[in-house]
């Protein structure tokens, strides 16, 4: 393995990762901290380690398929894709939120106890379908990549499943949480094949990320 590639997500988790990167001895080039930079791949102070910065959902794909050997992603993404090629050895304890079912304020949640079918807008169709299947309910998932909160008002679906932190976006759009599907936090993930072939290279990184 000539170069280790570390896949990191864009957005809020990236900011919370700074202490973890330092603990693991990963010092990115200056452009990594530049919000105006359009680069996707960054050098580090280590000649054998590069960082790529991609969408959170894509981190799991890059690592599972070997484009990167190690990465950081939310447990929601791990649960949605269930890639067999991923190993998630460390809960980083950052990026905490929850995957929740929500509906317009005033919706009678008891309707779910009587339902055999429900329509849900979400970018987590597998997790959503599995959650409802466990209750004997067939979930028809309207797959959206964003703006889930306006789906009920526009008649796409009476329920949504999305990540919730403070709940402010739900309230601003007239929605309320009904139930939690999954508590979420950021995890360190490793490509299983790379772990088997180069544990001496990857283990110190894993230990460093888990040190705090």
Foldseek 3Di string as FASTA:
>chain_A
DQAAEEEEEDDDVVVVCVVLCVLLVWAWDPLVPPPPDPDQKTDTPDPRYIYGYYHQLCNVVCQQVVVHFKYKHKVLSCVLVVRPQKDFDAFLPPPKWFWFKKFAPPDDLCVLVVAQEFEEEECRVRLVQVQSVVVNHGYHYDHDPDPRLCCCVVVNGRMYIDIDHPCVVNVVSRMDTDGTSGIMGMTMMGGNVCCVVCVVVCVSSVCSSRVD
